[in-house]
Amino acid sequence: MLESFVTALLLSLGVTQVAVYSTTIYLHRAVTHRALVLHPFAAWVFRFCIWLTTGIVPREWVAVHRKHHAFTDEEGDPHSPRLEGFWKVQLGNVFYYIRTLRDPEVVRRYARDVKEDVWDRWLFNRGTLGTLAGTALLCWILGVWWGLFAAGLHAVMYVFVLSSSINGLCHYAGYRNFDNTATNVRLIAWLTGGEGLHNNHHGFPRSPKFSIRRGEFDPAWPIIR
């Protein structure tokens, strides 16, 4: 029992980190901000990992995040804790994401340069299929109940803790190096592949490296290099 629990816990944490690094390196830095160019095979691997671990459709994520930069903490921001309230965004960030995508104009306007290919049309746009495939894989490795436990824990960590902390906590509390409304939270940076250095990112959105000051660490940067 204890061994199964520890195995499921460690595998769930590993899956979450795969999702985190795929999000920050591919979705965020490479596709959304064009801060780096990935080898086509590396880009495909990241796309597959995102599909399998999150079910996120890349064009949709890009569109929501670009709109966030266009209206940061102002009317029009998809998920501003300054407008909606801290706890609403911290606990319900995913619902603001879904609400924003109900307007088809968001994707057309903010992600028109992100072209779909045959992989998108046949696989990567089918986000529900990806999450089901990922859950089935965990169930095959761990058994049904421990697999469901690992998948559920991963979903809570990725959606309601890590992603929400970037859009919630990192626009509410922390320190600033630059004059914008985002903040840096070093602990969140360690857990999210550097995303917690959010004030730095809003200061230089096209930079592939998020750490600037001594004592700041962007865990994704060594991987990118």
Foldseek 3Di string as FASTA:
>chain_A
DVVLLVVLQVVLLVLLQLLLLLCLQALQQCQQQVLDDDDVVVNVVSLLSNLQQPLDQSLLVSLLVVQCLVAPLHPRNLAACNVVNQVCLLQPVVVSSVVVVVPVVSSCPRRVVPDDDPCCVVPSVRSVVNPVNNLVVLCVVSNNPSSVVSSVVSCCCNPNHLVSCLRRVQQPDADAPDPDRGHADQVSQVSRQHSSLPNQCSVPVSHSDSDDDPPHDRNSVVVVD
